[in-house]
Amino acid sequence: QLVFYNYEKEEEKVNTLAKQLTHVYPILSEQRYKLGATFALVGEFEWAFKWLYSLYKTGFQGDSTFLYWLASAAYYTGHKTLAQT
């Protein structure tokens, strides 16, 4: 629903659902990836960076989409050196 509301420009619903997702602690790497990418998609870059960078530190071998979202989150959170690598 969060992604759908984002595309429909339902800001209030997006903010409500994104806030609820901040209480989720994913265990599996696939879940961390999806949660991080979802946060990045809706502009919650601090949370996106938290989950995507945690995967990066463990040596997660994601695809180009993973690297795109990680670089975007890094850039918007001030980690520009990481975003450029």
C-alpha atoms as a PDB file:
ATOM      1  CA  GLN A   1       0.000   0.000   0.000  1.00  0.00           C
ATOM      2  CA  LEU A   2       2.811   2.408   0.809  1.00  0.00           C
ATOM      3  CA  VAL A   3       4.237   2.319  -2.701  1.00  0.00           C
ATOM      4  CA  PHE A   4       0.763   2.683  -4.201  1.00  0.00           C
ATOM      5  CA  TYR A   5      -0.015   5.701  -2.019  1.00  0.00           C
ATOM      6  CA  ASN A   6       3.327   7.211  -2.961  1.00  0.00           C
ATOM      7  CA  TYR A   7       2.530   6.982  -6.668  1.00  0.00           C
ATOM      8  CA  GLU A   8      -0.933   8.420  -6.006  1.00  0.00           C
ATOM      9  CA  LYS A   9       0.669  11.367  -4.125  1.00  0.00           C
ATOM     10  CA  GLU A  10      -1.240  10.562  -0.922  1.00  0.00           C
ATOM     11  CA  GLU A  11       1.342  12.255   1.332  1.00  0.00           C
ATOM     12  CA  GLU A  12      -0.531  11.827   4.606  1.00  0.00           C
ATOM     13  CA  LYS A  13      -1.058   8.099   4.085  1.00  0.00           C
ATOM     14  CA  VAL A  14       2.544   7.668   2.949  1.00  0.00           C
ATOM     15  CA  ASN A  15       3.821   9.394   6.083  1.00  0.00           C
ATOM     16  CA  THR A  16       1.568   7.314   8.332  1.00  0.00           C
ATOM     17  CA  LEU A  17       2.618   3.996   6.810  1.00  0.00           C
ATOM     18  CA  ALA A  18       6.297   4.957   6.636  1.00  0.00           C
ATOM     19  CA  LYS A  19       6.223   5.843  10.327  1.00  0.00           C
ATOM     20  CA  GLN A  20       4.729   2.445  11.116  1.00  0.00           C
ATOM     21  CA  LEU A  21       7.490   0.735   9.141  1.00  0.00           C
ATOM     22  CA  THR A  22      10.160   2.401  11.262  1.00  0.00           C
ATOM     23  CA  HIS A  23       9.169  -0.042  14.026  1.00  0.00           C
ATOM     24  CA  VAL A  24       9.896  -3.091  11.855  1.00  0.00           C
ATOM     25  CA  TYR A  25      13.207  -4.894  12.382  1.00  0.00           C
ATOM     26  CA  PRO A  26      13.807  -7.269   9.474  1.00  0.00           C
ATOM     27  CA  ILE A  27      16.016 -10.266  10.089  1.00  0.00           C
ATOM     28  CA  LEU A  28      16.552 -11.680   6.605  1.00  0.00           C
ATOM     29  CA  SER A  29      18.720  -9.817   4.133  1.00  0.00           C
ATOM     30  CA  GLU A  30      15.980  -9.883   1.496  1.00  0.00           C
ATOM     31  CA  GLN A  31      13.615  -8.188   3.932  1.00  0.00           C
ATOM     32  CA  ARG A  32      16.203  -5.525   4.785  1.00  0.00           C
ATOM     33  CA  TYR A  33      16.725  -4.872   1.094  1.00  0.00           C
ATOM     34  CA  LYS A  34      13.014  -4.486   0.376  1.00  0.00           C
ATOM     35  CA  LEU A  35      12.442  -2.297   3.409  1.00  0.00           C
ATOM     36  CA  GLY A  36      15.430  -0.100   2.590  1.00  0.00           C
ATOM     37  CA  ALA A  37      14.397   0.254  -1.045  1.00  0.00           C
ATOM     38  CA  THR A  38      10.840   1.107  -0.012  1.00  0.00           C
ATOM     39  CA  PHE A  39      12.065   3.804   2.353  1.00  0.00           C
ATOM     40  CA  ALA A  40      14.256   5.240  -0.407  1.00  0.00           C
ATOM     41  CA  LEU A  41      11.379   5.214  -2.874  1.00  0.00           C
ATOM     42  CA  VAL A  42       9.207   7.327  -0.573  1.00  0.00           C
ATOM     43  CA  GLY A  43      12.029   9.698   0.348  1.00  0.00           C
ATOM     44  CA  GLU A  44      12.821   8.396   3.841  1.00  0.00           C
ATOM     45  CA  PHE A  45      16.541   8.331   3.108  1.00  0.00           C
ATOM     46  CA  GLU A  46      17.809   8.079   6.704  1.00  0.00           C
ATOM     47  CA  TRP A  47      15.895   4.842   7.210  1.00  0.00           C
ATOM     48  CA  ALA A  48      16.791   3.630   3.729  1.00  0.00           C
ATOM     49  CA  PHE A  49      20.470   4.188   4.406  1.00  0.00           C
ATOM     50  CA  LYS A  50      20.255   2.382   7.736  1.00  0.00           C
ATOM     51  CA  TRP A  51      18.972  -0.841   6.195  1.00  0.00           C
ATOM     52  CA  LEU A  52      20.775  -0.758   2.861  1.00  0.00           C
ATOM     53  CA  TYR A  53      24.137   0.136   4.388  1.00  0.00           C
ATOM     54  CA  SER A  54      23.746  -2.631   6.965  1.00  0.00           C
ATOM     55  CA  LEU A  55      23.525  -5.047   4.035  1.00  0.00           C
ATOM     56  CA  TYR A  56      26.482  -3.450   2.272  1.00  0.00           C
ATOM     57  CA  LYS A  57      28.654  -3.862   5.377  1.00  0.00           C
ATOM     58  CA  THR A  58      27.933  -7.592   5.491  1.00  0.00           C
ATOM     59  CA  GLY A  59      29.070  -8.048   1.892  1.00  0.00           C
ATOM     60  CA  PHE A  60      25.582  -8.410   0.448  1.00  0.00           C
ATOM     61  CA  GLN A  61      25.885  -9.024  -3.294  1.00  0.00           C
ATOM     62  CA  GLY A  62      22.873  -7.161  -4.589  1.00  0.00           C
ATOM     63  CA  ASP A  63      22.038  -6.253  -8.146  1.00  0.00           C
ATOM     64  CA  SER A  64      22.323  -2.861  -9.806  1.00  0.00           C
ATOM     65  CA  THR A  65      19.011  -1.791  -8.270  1.00  0.00           C
ATOM     66  CA  PHE A  66      20.419  -2.379  -4.791  1.00  0.00           C
ATOM     67  CA  LEU A  67      23.439  -0.235  -5.624  1.00  0.00           C
ATOM     68  CA  TYR A  68      21.184   2.481  -7.052  1.00  0.00           C
ATOM     69  CA  TRP A  69      19.087   2.722  -3.892  1.00  0.00           C
ATOM     70  CA  LEU A  70      22.165   2.543  -1.663  1.00  0.00           C
ATOM     71  CA  ALA A  71      23.882   5.326  -3.624  1.00  0.00           C
ATOM     72  CA  SER A  72      20.740   7.470  -3.544  1.00  0.00           C
ATOM     73  CA  ALA A  73      20.287   7.000   0.192  1.00  0.00           C
ATOM     74  CA  ALA A  74      23.979   7.663   0.808  1.00  0.00           C
ATOM     75  CA  TYR A  75      23.889  10.846  -1.254  1.00  0.00           C
ATOM     76  CA  TYR A  76      20.810  12.277   0.449  1.00  0.00           C
ATOM     77  CA  THR A  77      22.156  11.496   3.922  1.00  0.00           C
ATOM     78  CA  GLY A  78      25.490  13.188   3.357  1.00  0.00           C
ATOM     79  CA  HIS A  79      27.605  10.105   2.634  1.00  0.00           C
ATOM     80  CA  LYS A  80      28.699  11.438  -0.745  1.00  0.00           C
ATOM     81  CA  THR A  81      31.963   9.495  -0.913  1.00  0.00           C
ATOM     82  CA  LEU A  82      30.087   6.214  -0.562  1.00  0.00           C
ATOM     83  CA  ALA A  83      27.517   7.381  -3.106  1.00  0.00           C
ATOM     84  CA  GLN A  84      30.250   7.975  -5.677  1.00  0.00           C
ATOM     85  CA  THR A  85      31.889   4.557  -5.275  1.00  0.00           C
END
